[in-house]
Protein backbone atom coordinates (compact mmCIF):
# COMPACT_ATOMS: atom_id res chain seq x y z
CA MET A 1 -27.95 -81.20 -37.18
CA ASP A 2 -28.88 -84.66 -36.68
CA PHE A 3 -26.86 -87.17 -34.64
CA TRP A 4 -26.45 -89.41 -37.70
CA GLN A 5 -25.09 -86.59 -39.86
CA VAL A 6 -22.53 -85.36 -37.37
CA LEU A 7 -21.22 -88.88 -36.31
CA PRO A 8 -19.20 -89.82 -39.90
CA VAL A 9 -18.07 -86.32 -39.90
CA ALA A 10 -16.78 -86.94 -36.14
CA MET A 11 -15.43 -90.55 -37.16
CA ALA A 12 -13.55 -89.07 -40.30
CA LEU A 13 -11.91 -86.31 -38.27
CA VAL A 14 -11.01 -88.86 -35.88
CA LEU A 15 -9.45 -90.79 -38.55
CA ILE A 16 -7.81 -88.23 -40.08
CA ILE A 17 -6.02 -86.67 -36.77
CA GLU A 18 -5.16 -90.40 -35.84
CA GLY A 19 -3.34 -90.92 -39.40
CA MET A 20 -1.17 -87.54 -39.08
CA LEU A 21 1.32 -89.00 -36.97
CA PRO A 22 2.04 -92.08 -38.94
CA PHE A 23 2.11 -89.92 -42.24
CA ILE A 24 4.48 -87.40 -40.78
CA SER A 25 6.88 -89.21 -38.78
CA PRO A 26 6.70 -92.92 -39.01
CA HIS A 27 9.87 -93.46 -37.09
CA ARG A 28 8.55 -91.82 -34.13
CA TRP A 29 5.22 -93.40 -34.65
CA ARG A 30 6.75 -97.03 -34.44
CA ASN A 31 8.76 -95.72 -31.01
CA MET A 32 5.42 -94.68 -29.29
CA LEU A 33 3.92 -98.10 -30.15
CA ALA A 34 7.22 -99.79 -28.92
CA MET A 35 6.74 -97.94 -25.57
CA ALA A 36 3.27 -98.83 -25.48
CA GLU A 37 3.81 -102.36 -25.67
CA GLN A 38 6.02 -102.22 -22.79
CA MET A 39 3.51 -100.46 -20.71
CA ASP A 40 1.25 -102.24 -17.97
CA ASP A 41 -2.60 -102.60 -18.84
CA ARG A 42 -3.31 -100.25 -15.98
CA VAL A 43 -1.48 -97.41 -17.19
CA ILE A 44 -3.08 -98.14 -20.89
CA ARG A 45 -6.45 -97.92 -19.00
CA ASN A 46 -5.71 -94.70 -17.05
CA ILE A 47 -4.77 -93.19 -20.06
CA GLY A 48 -7.82 -94.27 -22.30
CA LEU A 49 -9.93 -93.18 -19.11
CA GLY A 50 -8.44 -89.77 -18.74
CA SER A 51 -8.61 -89.31 -22.91
CA MET A 52 -12.51 -90.24 -22.61
CA LEU A 53 -13.06 -87.73 -19.57
CA LEU A 54 -11.36 -84.90 -21.23
CA GLY A 55 -13.28 -85.35 -24.38
CA VAL A 56 -16.30 -85.50 -22.34
CA PHE A 57 -15.46 -82.35 -20.90
CA LEU A 58 -14.67 -80.87 -24.05
CA LEU A 59 -17.68 -81.75 -25.65
CA TYR A 60 -19.51 -80.24 -22.50
CA LEU A 61 -17.50 -77.13 -22.73
CA PHE A 62 -17.97 -76.71 -26.64
CA HIS A 63 -21.53 -77.67 -26.69
């Protein structure tokens, strides 16, 4: 498959997965956002970096 065919599918799946928690449990999602608001920027960056590295690792593993 071509990259430009897979990219919209991947983005759609991200939006579906990201939308599940606020749809299923809006209260828990709101609490999570309040907790993230209190976190230091460094912690949030480390979480983002860890998430990106895990994603790259999973792409490598499954490709």
